[in-house]
Amino acid sequence: MIHTLMTFFLYCTIFNYVMVTVWFVWFYFNHDALYRLHTRWFKLTVEQFDMLMYGGIGLYKLGVLLFNVAPLLALWLID
């Protein structure tokens, strides 16, 4: 049972880090297109847009650490 949970959290961690990497790469290489897309709906300056994107990426990474990596380490320690 513990090994199944460890495998689950490991795959969740890998999947989520792939997702945040794709998000960052997409943001980095398509900054202007993403900014134009989002300013159709919201009044944002470039600085606000960048802050929201970097803040979102940081919050996502924090959530991955809290909800995926921490349980994985806890299960690894008790195994």
PDB file of N, CA and C in Angstrom:
ATOM      1  N   MET A   1       0.823  -1.208   0.000  1.00  0.00           N
ATOM      2  CA  MET A   1       0.000   0.000   0.000  1.00  0.00           C
ATOM      3  C   MET A   1       0.862   1.266   0.000  1.00  0.00           C
ATOM      4  N   ILE A   2       1.905   1.264   0.838  1.00  0.00           N
ATOM      5  CA  ILE A   2       2.770   2.439   0.904  1.00  0.00           C
ATOM      6  C   ILE A   2       3.503   2.637  -0.418  1.00  0.00           C
ATOM      7  N   HIS A   3       3.940   1.553  -1.018  1.00  0.00           N
ATOM      8  CA  HIS A   3       4.649   1.673  -2.299  1.00  0.00           C
ATOM      9  C   HIS A   3       3.732   2.196  -3.408  1.00  0.00           C
ATOM     10  N   THR A   4       2.466   1.816  -3.347  1.00  0.00           N
ATOM     11  CA  THR A   4       1.499   2.333  -4.323  1.00  0.00           C
ATOM     12  C   THR A   4       1.319   3.836  -4.146  1.00  0.00           C
ATOM     13  N   LEU A   5       1.199   4.279  -2.898  1.00  0.00           N
ATOM     14  CA  LEU A   5       1.066   5.716  -2.633  1.00  0.00           C
ATOM     15  C   LEU A   5       2.331   6.473  -3.024  1.00  0.00           C
ATOM     16  N   MET A   6       3.482   5.880  -2.744  1.00  0.00           N
ATOM     17  CA  MET A   6       4.733   6.531  -3.126  1.00  0.00           C
ATOM     18  C   MET A   6       4.824   6.680  -4.642  1.00  0.00           C
ATOM     19  N   THR A   7       4.423   5.652  -5.355  1.00  0.00           N
ATOM     20  CA  THR A   7       4.421   5.716  -6.815  1.00  0.00           C
ATOM     21  C   THR A   7       3.445   6.777  -7.301  1.00  0.00           C
ATOM     22  N   PHE A   8       2.274   6.834  -6.683  1.00  0.00           N
ATOM     23  CA  PHE A   8       1.275   7.835  -7.041  1.00  0.00           C
ATOM     24  C   PHE A   8       1.821   9.247  -6.857  1.00  0.00           C
ATOM     25  N   PHE A   9       2.398   9.538  -5.684  1.00  0.00           N
ATOM     26  CA  PHE A   9       2.920  10.874  -5.425  1.00  0.00           C
ATOM     27  C   PHE A   9       4.135  11.191  -6.298  1.00  0.00           C
ATOM     28  N   LEU A  10       4.919  10.192  -6.629  1.00  0.00           N
ATOM     29  CA  LEU A  10       6.047  10.416  -7.526  1.00  0.00           C
ATOM     30  C   LEU A  10       5.560  10.818  -8.916  1.00  0.00           C
ATOM     31  N   TYR A  11       4.574  10.090  -9.442  1.00  0.00           N
ATOM     32  CA  TYR A  11       4.029  10.443 -10.757  1.00  0.00           C
ATOM     33  C   TYR A  11       3.318  11.792 -10.722  1.00  0.00           C
ATOM     34  N   CYS A  12       2.634  12.104  -9.637  1.00  0.00           N
ATOM     35  CA  CYS A  12       2.006  13.426  -9.503  1.00  0.00           C
ATOM     36  C   CYS A  12       3.051  14.531  -9.521  1.00  0.00           C
ATOM     37  N   THR A  13       4.154  14.314  -8.806  1.00  0.00           N
ATOM     38  CA  THR A  13       5.221  15.305  -8.763  1.00  0.00           C
ATOM     39  C   THR A  13       5.822  15.508 -10.143  1.00  0.00           C
ATOM     40  N   ILE A  14       6.123  14.426 -10.824  1.00  0.00           N
ATOM     41  CA  ILE A  14       6.705  14.524 -12.171  1.00  0.00           C
ATOM     42  C   ILE A  14       5.749  15.240 -13.111  1.00  0.00           C
ATOM     43  N   PHE A  15       4.474  14.846 -13.095  1.00  0.00           N
ATOM     44  CA  PHE A  15       3.483  15.472 -13.966  1.00  0.00           C
ATOM     45  C   PHE A  15       3.362  16.967 -13.691  1.00  0.00           C
ATOM     46  N   ASN A  16       3.289  17.335 -12.419  1.00  0.00           N
ATOM     47  CA  ASN A  16       3.115  18.743 -12.080  1.00  0.00           C
ATOM     48  C   ASN A  16       4.348  19.574 -12.413  1.00  0.00           C
ATOM     49  N   TYR A  17       5.542  19.022 -12.249  1.00  0.00           N
ATOM     50  CA  TYR A  17       6.726  19.774 -12.639  1.00  0.00           C
ATOM     51  C   TYR A  17       6.842  19.909 -14.151  1.00  0.00           C
ATOM     52  N   VAL A  18       6.376  18.920 -14.889  1.00  0.00           N
ATOM     53  CA  VAL A  18       6.313  19.063 -16.345  1.00  0.00           C
ATOM     54  C   VAL A  18       5.336  20.184 -16.703  1.00  0.00           C
ATOM     55  N   MET A  19       4.186  20.211 -16.028  1.00  0.00           N
ATOM     56  CA  MET A  19       3.192  21.256 -16.299  1.00  0.00           C
ATOM     57  C   MET A  19       3.732  22.650 -16.003  1.00  0.00           C
ATOM     58  N   VAL A  20       4.414  22.828 -14.880  1.00  0.00           N
ATOM     59  CA  VAL A  20       4.930  24.154 -14.542  1.00  0.00           C
ATOM     60  C   VAL A  20       6.077  24.536 -15.470  1.00  0.00           C
ATOM     61  N   THR A  21       6.843  23.571 -15.947  1.00  0.00           N
ATOM     62  CA  THR A  21       7.901  23.851 -16.907  1.00  0.00           C
ATOM     63  C   THR A  21       7.311  24.279 -18.244  1.00  0.00           C
ATOM     64  N   VAL A  22       6.264  23.601 -18.685  1.00  0.00           N
ATOM     65  CA  VAL A  22       5.584  23.980 -19.931  1.00  0.00           C
ATOM     66  C   VAL A  22       5.009  25.384 -19.797  1.00  0.00           C
ATOM     67  N   TRP A  23       4.398  25.671 -18.640  1.00  0.00           N
ATOM     68  CA  TRP A  23       3.840  27.002 -18.399  1.00  0.00           C
ATOM     69  C   TRP A  23       4.937  28.060 -18.506  1.00  0.00           C
ATOM     70  N   PHE A  24       6.083  27.836 -17.854  1.00  0.00           N
ATOM     71  CA  PHE A  24       7.157  28.819 -17.891  1.00  0.00           C
ATOM     72  C   PHE A  24       7.723  28.990 -19.300  1.00  0.00           C
ATOM     73  N   VAL A  25       7.950  27.887 -19.997  1.00  0.00           N
ATOM     74  CA  VAL A  25       8.501  27.963 -21.361  1.00  0.00           C
ATOM     75  C   VAL A  25       7.518  28.680 -22.283  1.00  0.00           C
ATOM     76  N   TRP A  26       6.233  28.356 -22.149  1.00  0.00           N
ATOM     77  CA  TRP A  26       5.205  29.018 -22.948  1.00  0.00           C
ATOM     78  C   TRP A  26       5.188  30.513 -22.659  1.00  0.00           C
ATOM     79  N   PHE A  27       5.263  30.882 -21.385  1.00  0.00           N
ATOM     80  CA  PHE A  27       5.282  32.280 -20.990  1.00  0.00           C
ATOM     81  C   PHE A  27       6.542  32.978 -21.509  1.00  0.00           C
ATOM     82  N   TYR A  28       7.670  32.316 -21.429  1.00  0.00           N
ATOM     83  CA  TYR A  28       8.939  32.918 -21.833  1.00  0.00           C
ATOM     84  C   TYR A  28       9.004  33.171 -23.338  1.00  0.00           C
ATOM     85  N   PHE A  29       8.587  32.186 -24.118  1.00  0.00           N
ATOM     86  CA  PHE A  29       8.729  32.310 -25.576  1.00  0.00           C
ATOM     87  C   PHE A  29       7.527  32.980 -26.251  1.00  0.00           C
ATOM     88  N   ASN A  30       6.393  33.063 -25.586  1.00  0.00           N
ATOM     89  CA  ASN A  30       5.193  33.669 -26.176  1.00  0.00           C
ATOM     90  C   ASN A  30       4.659  34.811 -25.320  1.00  0.00           C
ATOM     91  N   HIS A  31       5.556  35.544 -24.710  1.00  0.00           N
ATOM     92  CA  HIS A  31       5.151  36.590 -23.771  1.00  0.00           C
ATOM     93  C   HIS A  31       4.187  37.590 -24.398  1.00  0.00           C
ATOM     94  N   ASP A  32       4.537  38.120 -25.554  1.00  0.00           N
ATOM     95  CA  ASP A  32       3.717  39.168 -26.160  1.00  0.00           C
ATOM     96  C   ASP A  32       2.346  38.654 -26.584  1.00  0.00           C
ATOM     97  N   ALA A  33       2.296  37.455 -27.135  1.00  0.00           N
ATOM     98  CA  ALA A  33       1.005  36.890 -27.550  1.00  0.00           C
ATOM     99  C   ALA A  33       0.120  36.616 -26.335  1.00  0.00           C
ATOM    100  N   LEU A  34       0.695  36.102 -25.271  1.00  0.00           N
ATOM    101  CA  LEU A  34      -0.079  35.859 -24.055  1.00  0.00           C
ATOM    102  C   LEU A  34      -0.563  37.167 -23.440  1.00  0.00           C
ATOM    103  N   TYR A  35       0.302  38.177 -23.463  1.00  0.00           N
ATOM    104  CA  TYR A  35      -0.091  39.477 -22.925  1.00  0.00           C
ATOM    105  C   TYR A  35      -1.254  40.068 -23.719  1.00  0.00           C
ATOM    106  N   ARG A  36      -1.171  40.013 -25.037  1.00  0.00           N
ATOM    107  CA  ARG A  36      -2.277  40.524 -25.865  1.00  0.00           C
ATOM    108  C   ARG A  36      -3.568  39.750 -25.607  1.00  0.00           C
ATOM    109  N   LEU A  37      -3.451  38.438 -25.454  1.00  0.00           N
ATOM    110  CA  LEU A  37      -4.629  37.613 -25.189  1.00  0.00           C
ATOM    111  C   LEU A  37      -5.293  38.006 -23.872  1.00  0.00           C
ATOM    112  N   HIS A  38      -4.505  38.175 -22.839  1.00  0.00           N
ATOM    113  CA  HIS A  38      -5.072  38.474 -21.528  1.00  0.00           C
ATOM    114  C   HIS A  38      -5.558  39.919 -21.403  1.00  0.00           C
ATOM    115  N   THR A  39      -4.956  40.826 -22.148  1.00  0.00           N
ATOM    116  CA  THR A  39      -5.416  42.211 -22.061  1.00  0.00           C
ATOM    117  C   THR A  39      -6.711  42.436 -22.839  1.00  0.00           C
ATOM    118  N   ARG A  40      -7.160  41.442 -23.561  1.00  0.00           N
ATOM    119  CA  ARG A  40      -8.496  41.550 -24.171  1.00  0.00           C
ATOM    120  C   ARG A  40      -9.573  41.518 -23.082  1.00  0.00           C
ATOM    121  N   TRP A  41      -9.300  40.794 -22.009  1.00  0.00           N
ATOM    122  CA  TRP A  41     -10.292  40.621 -20.951  1.00  0.00           C
ATOM    123  C   TRP A  41     -10.010  41.478 -19.724  1.00  0.00           C
ATOM    124  N   PHE A  42      -8.736  41.760 -19.457  1.00  0.00           N
ATOM    125  CA  PHE A  42      -8.363  42.472 -18.235  1.00  0.00           C
ATOM    126  C   PHE A  42      -7.482  43.653 -18.588  1.00  0.00           C
ATOM    127  N   LYS A  43      -7.621  44.722 -17.811  1.00  0.00           N
ATOM    128  CA  LYS A  43      -6.741  45.873 -17.974  1.00  0.00           C
ATOM    129  C   LYS A  43      -5.492  45.614 -17.146  1.00  0.00           C
ATOM    130  N   LEU A  44      -4.410  45.248 -17.823  1.00  0.00           N
ATOM    131  CA  LEU A  44      -3.161  44.941 -17.147  1.00  0.00           C
ATOM    132  C   LEU A  44      -2.007  45.661 -17.822  1.00  0.00           C
ATOM    133  N   THR A  45      -1.077  46.131 -17.006  1.00  0.00           N
ATOM    134  CA  THR A  45       0.175  46.616 -17.569  1.00  0.00           C
ATOM    135  C   THR A  45       1.075  45.402 -17.769  1.00  0.00           C
ATOM    136  N   VAL A  46       2.140  45.593 -18.504  1.00  0.00           N
ATOM    137  CA  VAL A  46       3.088  44.497 -18.725  1.00  0.00           C
ATOM    138  C   VAL A  46       3.679  44.042 -17.388  1.00  0.00           C
ATOM    139  N   GLU A  47       3.967  44.997 -16.498  1.00  0.00           N
ATOM    140  CA  GLU A  47       4.541  44.655 -15.199  1.00  0.00           C
ATOM    141  C   GLU A  47       3.554  43.848 -14.355  1.00  0.00           C
ATOM    142  N   GLN A  48       2.279  44.220 -14.385  1.00  0.00           N
ATOM    143  CA  GLN A  48       1.267  43.462 -13.653  1.00  0.00           C
ATOM    144  C   GLN A  48       1.109  42.057 -14.218  1.00  0.00           C
ATOM    145  N   PHE A  49       1.113  41.945 -15.520  1.00  0.00           N
ATOM    146  CA  PHE A  49       0.997  40.642 -16.173  1.00  0.00           C
ATOM    147  C   PHE A  49       2.170  39.745 -15.792  1.00  0.00           C
ATOM    148  N   ASP A  50       3.383  40.300 -15.855  1.00  0.00           N
ATOM    149  CA  ASP A  50       4.559  39.518 -15.486  1.00  0.00           C
ATOM    150  C   ASP A  50       4.494  39.079 -14.022  1.00  0.00           C
ATOM    151  N   MET A  51       4.069  39.995 -13.158  1.00  0.00           N
ATOM    152  CA  MET A  51       3.971  39.666 -11.740  1.00  0.00           C
ATOM    153  C   MET A  51       2.945  38.561 -11.505  1.00  0.00           C
ATOM    154  N   LEU A  52       1.811  38.628 -12.188  1.00  0.00           N
ATOM    155  CA  LEU A  52       0.798  37.586 -12.035  1.00  0.00           C
ATOM    156  C   LEU A  52       1.288  36.236 -12.550  1.00  0.00           C
ATOM    157  N   MET A  53       1.984  36.247 -13.676  1.00  0.00           N
ATOM    158  CA  MET A  53       2.494  34.988 -14.221  1.00  0.00           C
ATOM    159  C   MET A  53       3.550  34.379 -13.305  1.00  0.00           C
ATOM    160  N   TYR A  54       4.538  35.176 -12.907  1.00  0.00           N
ATOM    161  CA  TYR A  54       5.582  34.655 -12.033  1.00  0.00           C
ATOM    162  C   TYR A  54       5.008  34.258 -10.670  1.00  0.00           C
ATOM    163  N   GLY A  55       4.057  35.038 -10.166  1.00  0.00           N
ATOM    164  CA  GLY A  55       3.404  34.678  -8.909  1.00  0.00           C
ATOM    165  C   GLY A  55       2.628  33.382  -9.026  1.00  0.00           C
ATOM    166  N   GLY A  56       1.934  33.210 -10.148  1.00  0.00           N
ATOM    167  CA  GLY A  56       1.193  31.966 -10.369  1.00  0.00           C
ATOM    168  C   GLY A  56       2.102  30.766 -10.482  1.00  0.00           C
ATOM    169  N   ILE A  57       3.215  30.933 -11.184  1.00  0.00           N
ATOM    170  CA  ILE A  57       4.180  29.842 -11.308  1.00  0.00           C
ATOM    171  C   ILE A  57       4.759  29.498  -9.941  1.00  0.00           C
ATOM    172  N   GLY A  58       5.094  30.512  -9.168  1.00  0.00           N
ATOM    173  CA  GLY A  58       5.627  30.281  -7.825  1.00  0.00           C
ATOM    174  C   GLY A  58       4.623  29.609  -6.912  1.00  0.00           C
ATOM    175  N   LEU A  59       3.373  30.042  -6.977  1.00  0.00           N
ATOM    176  CA  LEU A  59       2.323  29.436  -6.161  1.00  0.00           C
ATOM    177  C   LEU A  59       2.074  27.994  -6.565  1.00  0.00           C
ATOM    178  N   TYR A  60       2.121  27.722  -7.847  1.00  0.00           N
ATOM    179  CA  TYR A  60       1.957  26.351  -8.348  1.00  0.00           C
ATOM    180  C   TYR A  60       3.083  25.459  -7.831  1.00  0.00           C
ATOM    181  N   LYS A  61       4.329  25.960  -7.906  1.00  0.00           N
ATOM    182  CA  LYS A  61       5.462  25.175  -7.419  1.00  0.00           C
ATOM    183  C   LYS A  61       5.358  24.937  -5.915  1.00  0.00           C
ATOM    184  N   LEU A  62       4.905  25.933  -5.176  1.00  0.00           N
ATOM    185  CA  LEU A  62       4.713  25.769  -3.737  1.00  0.00           C
ATOM    186  C   LEU A  62       3.648  24.715  -3.448  1.00  0.00           C
ATOM    187  N   GLY A  63       2.570  24.726  -4.222  1.00  0.00           N
ATOM    188  CA  GLY A  63       1.533  23.713  -4.064  1.00  0.00           C
ATOM    189  C   GLY A  63       2.041  22.316  -4.376  1.00  0.00           C
ATOM    190  N   VAL A  64       2.888  22.196  -5.382  1.00  0.00           N
ATOM    191  CA  VAL A  64       3.472  20.889  -5.712  1.00  0.00           C
ATOM    192  C   VAL A  64       4.334  20.398  -4.565  1.00  0.00           C
ATOM    193  N   LEU A  65       5.130  21.284  -4.013  1.00  0.00           N
ATOM    194  CA  LEU A  65       5.963  20.888  -2.876  1.00  0.00           C
ATOM    195  C   LEU A  65       5.120  20.478  -1.673  1.00  0.00           C
ATOM    196  N   LEU A  66       4.077  21.232  -1.400  1.00  0.00           N
ATOM    197  CA  LEU A  66       3.248  20.968  -0.234  1.00  0.00           C
ATOM    198  C   LEU A  66       2.387  19.722  -0.391  1.00  0.00           C
ATOM    199  N   PHE A  67       1.782  19.542  -1.557  1.00  0.00           N
ATOM    200  CA  PHE A  67       0.807  18.472  -1.731  1.00  0.00           C
ATOM    201  C   PHE A  67       1.339  17.224  -2.438  1.00  0.00           C
ATOM    202  N   ASN A  68       2.527  17.284  -3.006  1.00  0.00           N
ATOM    203  CA  ASN A  68       3.087  16.112  -3.686  1.00  0.00           C
ATOM    204  C   ASN A  68       4.412  15.661  -3.083  1.00  0.00           C
ATOM    205  N   VAL A  69       5.354  16.585  -2.979  1.00  0.00           N
ATOM    206  CA  VAL A  69       6.694  16.215  -2.526  1.00  0.00           C
ATOM    207  C   VAL A  69       6.700  15.903  -1.027  1.00  0.00           C
ATOM    208  N   ALA A  70       6.023  16.717  -0.216  1.00  0.00           N
ATOM    209  CA  ALA A  70       6.012  16.474   1.228  1.00  0.00           C
ATOM    210  C   ALA A  70       5.399  15.117   1.580  1.00  0.00           C
ATOM    211  N   PRO A  71       4.230  14.748   1.031  1.00  0.00           N
ATOM    212  CA  PRO A  71       3.717  13.396   1.324  1.00  0.00           C
ATOM    213  C   PRO A  71       4.628  12.291   0.812  1.00  0.00           C
ATOM    214  N   LEU A  72       5.261  12.524  -0.335  1.00  0.00           N
ATOM    215  CA  LEU A  72       6.184  11.524  -0.875  1.00  0.00           C
ATOM    216  C   LEU A  72       7.367  11.321   0.086  1.00  0.00           C
ATOM    217  N   LEU A  73       7.927  12.405   0.590  1.00  0.00           N
ATOM    218  CA  LEU A  73       9.029  12.290   1.538  1.00  0.00           C
ATOM    219  C   LEU A  73       8.578  11.648   2.845  1.00  0.00           C
ATOM    220  N   ALA A  74       7.391  11.995   3.309  1.00  0.00           N
ATOM    221  CA  ALA A  74       6.884  11.394   4.539  1.00  0.00           C
ATOM    222  C   ALA A  74       6.699   9.877   4.367  1.00  0.00           C
ATOM    223  N   LEU A  75       6.155   9.464   3.259  1.00  0.00           N
ATOM    224  CA  LEU A  75       5.998   8.032   3.009  1.00  0.00           C
ATOM    225  C   LEU A  75       7.350   7.342   2.852  1.00  0.00           C
ATOM    226  N   TRP A  76       8.289   8.027   2.223  1.00  0.00           N
ATOM    227  CA  TRP A  76       9.626   7.466   2.068  1.00  0.00           C
ATOM    228  C   TRP A  76      10.299   7.270   3.426  1.00  0.00           C
ATOM    229  N   LEU A  77      10.093   8.232   4.345  1.00  0.00           N
ATOM    230  CA  LEU A  77      10.693   8.134   5.683  1.00  0.00           C
ATOM    231  C   LEU A  77      10.091   7.000   6.504  1.00  0.00           C
ATOM    232  N   ILE A  78       8.790   6.751   6.375  1.00  0.00           N
ATOM    233  CA  ILE A  78       8.191   5.698   7.185  1.00  0.00           C
ATOM    234  C   ILE A  78       8.351   4.319   6.562  1.00  0.00           C
ATOM    235  N   ASP A  79       8.777   4.265   5.325  1.00  0.00           N
ATOM    236  CA  ASP A  79       8.937   2.970   4.659  1.00  0.00           C
ATOM    237  C   ASP A  79      10.158   2.246   5.165  1.00  0.00           C
TER     238      ASP A  79
END
